[in-house]
C-alpha atoms as a PDB file:
ATOM      1  CA  MET A   1      10.810  16.549   7.352  1.00  0.00           C
ATOM      2  CA  GLY A   2       9.117  13.534   6.288  1.00  0.00           C
ATOM      3  CA  GLY A   3      10.759  10.633   4.930  1.00  0.00           C
ATOM      4  CA  VAL A   4      10.427   9.714   0.933  1.00  0.00           C
ATOM      5  CA  TYR A   5       9.723   6.282  -0.517  1.00  0.00           C
ATOM      6  CA  ILE A   6      11.322   5.667  -3.870  1.00  0.00           C
ATOM      7  CA  ARG A   7      10.565   2.854  -6.040  1.00  0.00           C
ATOM      8  CA  CYS A   8      12.618   1.846  -9.110  1.00  0.00           C
ATOM      9  CA  SER A   9       9.827   1.278 -11.816  1.00  0.00           C
ATOM     10  CA  VAL A  10      12.271  -0.757 -14.391  1.00  0.00           C
ATOM     11  CA  ASP A  11      10.891  -3.725 -15.560  1.00  0.00           C
ATOM     12  CA  VAL A  12      13.416  -6.398 -14.714  1.00  0.00           C
ATOM     13  CA  SER A  13      13.179 -10.053 -14.814  1.00  0.00           C
ATOM     14  CA  VAL A  14      15.812 -12.502 -13.287  1.00  0.00           C
ATOM     15  CA  ASN A  15      16.785 -16.036 -14.353  1.00  0.00           C
ATOM     16  CA  TRP A  16      19.144 -18.505 -12.681  1.00  0.00           C
ATOM     17  CA  GLY A  17      20.514 -21.346 -14.262  1.00  0.00           C
ATOM     18  CA  ARG A  18      23.647 -23.470 -14.745  1.00  0.00           C
ATOM     19  CA  SER A  19      26.524 -22.219 -16.898  1.00  0.00           C
ATOM     20  CA  ASP A  20      26.721 -25.357 -18.981  1.00  0.00           C
ATOM     21  CA  GLY A  21      22.923 -24.523 -20.120  1.00  0.00           C
ATOM     22  CA  THR A  22      21.340 -26.879 -17.855  1.00  0.00           C
ATOM     23  CA  ASN A  23      18.108 -25.735 -15.655  1.00  0.00           C
ATOM     24  CA  ILE A  24      18.097 -25.728 -12.107  1.00  0.00           C
ATOM     25  CA  PRO A  25      15.635 -28.360 -10.716  1.00  0.00           C
ATOM     26  CA  VAL A  26      12.538 -27.105  -9.020  1.00  0.00           C
ATOM     27  CA  LEU A  27      13.089 -28.818  -5.609  1.00  0.00           C
ATOM     28  CA  SER A  28      11.589 -27.851  -2.322  1.00  0.00           C
ATOM     29  CA  ARG A  29      15.287 -27.419  -0.948  1.00  0.00           C
ATOM     30  CA  ILE A  30      15.305 -24.730  -4.073  1.00  0.00           C
ATOM     31  CA  GLN A  31      13.853 -21.242  -3.469  1.00  0.00           C
ATOM     32  CA  TYR A  32      13.923 -17.866  -5.397  1.00  0.00           C
ATOM     33  CA  LEU A  33      13.869 -14.877  -2.883  1.00  0.00           C
ATOM     34  CA  ASP A  34      13.508 -11.436  -3.534  1.00  0.00           C
ATOM     35  CA  SER A  35      11.956 -11.792  -7.044  1.00  0.00           C
ATOM     36  CA  GLY A  36      14.558 -13.846  -8.137  1.00  0.00           C
ATOM     37  CA  ILE A  37      17.135 -11.706  -7.544  1.00  0.00           C
ATOM     38  CA  ARG A  38      18.751 -14.229  -4.529  1.00  0.00           C
ATOM     39  CA  LEU A  39      18.710 -18.064  -4.804  1.00  0.00           C
ATOM     40  CA  GLN A  40      18.183 -20.130  -1.939  1.00  0.00           C
ATOM     41  CA  ILE A  41      19.688 -23.890  -1.665  1.00  0.00           C
ATOM     42  CA  SER A  42      19.371 -25.959   1.402  1.00  0.00           C
ATOM     43  CA  GLU A  43      20.660 -28.940   2.548  1.00  0.00           C
ATOM     44  CA  LEU A  44      23.404 -28.496   0.199  1.00  0.00           C
ATOM     45  CA  GLN A  45      24.730 -31.668  -1.663  1.00  0.00           C
ATOM     46  CA  ARG A  46      27.727 -32.405  -3.447  1.00  0.00           C
ATOM     47  CA  SER A  47      25.885 -31.994  -6.774  1.00  0.00           C
ATOM     48  CA  ASP A  48      24.876 -28.453  -6.285  1.00  0.00           C
ATOM     49  CA  GLU A  49      28.469 -27.647  -6.585  1.00  0.00           C
ATOM     50  CA  GLY A  50      29.165 -25.739  -9.946  1.00  0.00           C
ATOM     51  CA  ASP A  51      29.232 -22.562 -12.095  1.00  0.00           C
ATOM     52  CA  TYR A  52      25.832 -20.784 -11.872  1.00  0.00           C
ATOM     53  CA  VAL A  53      24.995 -17.786 -13.778  1.00  0.00           C
ATOM     54  CA  CYS A  54      22.179 -15.155 -13.041  1.00  0.00           C
ATOM     55  CA  THR A  55      20.978 -13.005 -15.953  1.00  0.00           C
ATOM     56  CA  GLY A  56      19.313  -9.911 -15.454  1.00  0.00           C
ATOM     57  CA  LEU A  57      16.634  -9.072 -18.473  1.00  0.00           C
ATOM     58  CA  VAL A  58      15.400  -5.249 -18.784  1.00  0.00           C
ATOM     59  CA  ARG A  59      13.044  -5.214 -21.400  1.00  0.00           C
ATOM     60  CA  GLY A  60      13.618  -2.981 -23.972  1.00  0.00           C
ATOM     61  CA  VAL A  61      17.211  -2.560 -23.019  1.00  0.00           C
ATOM     62  CA  GLY A  62      19.192  -5.422 -22.810  1.00  0.00           C
ATOM     63  CA  SER A  63      20.454  -7.618 -20.121  1.00  0.00           C
ATOM     64  CA  THR A  64      23.665  -8.724 -18.009  1.00  0.00           C
ATOM     65  CA  VAL A  65      24.961 -12.237 -16.977  1.00  0.00           C
ATOM     66  CA  PHE A  66      26.426 -12.257 -13.343  1.00  0.00           C
ATOM     67  CA  PRO A  67      28.558 -15.620 -13.263  1.00  0.00           C
ATOM     68  CA  VAL A  68      28.500 -17.324  -9.829  1.00  0.00           C
ATOM     69  CA  LYS A  69      30.798 -20.393  -8.679  1.00  0.00           C
ATOM     70  CA  LEU A  70      29.380 -22.422  -5.732  1.00  0.00           C
ATOM     71  CA  PHE A  71      31.656 -24.931  -3.450  1.00  0.00           C
ATOM     72  CA  VAL A  72      30.534 -27.626  -1.204  1.00  0.00           C
ATOM     73  CA  HIS A  73      32.815 -28.598   1.330  1.00  0.00           C
ATOM     74  CA  GLY A  74      32.224 -31.483   3.857  1.00  0.00           C
END
């Protein structure tokens, strides 16, 4: 029996920001991966530490917010 490829067709948009409402600056060391689901920050700096929020918006349904706390050691 062959395999099946299933794709979710929900129209979801993902936005990242800081919990205090400030936007994440567009820098060469910050990348959004997997259609924005993952946020990658290279060359971490002390100023990167803090509270972030990932907001998932589903058109016509609603949204959900996932808080993330980033600690920078060293």
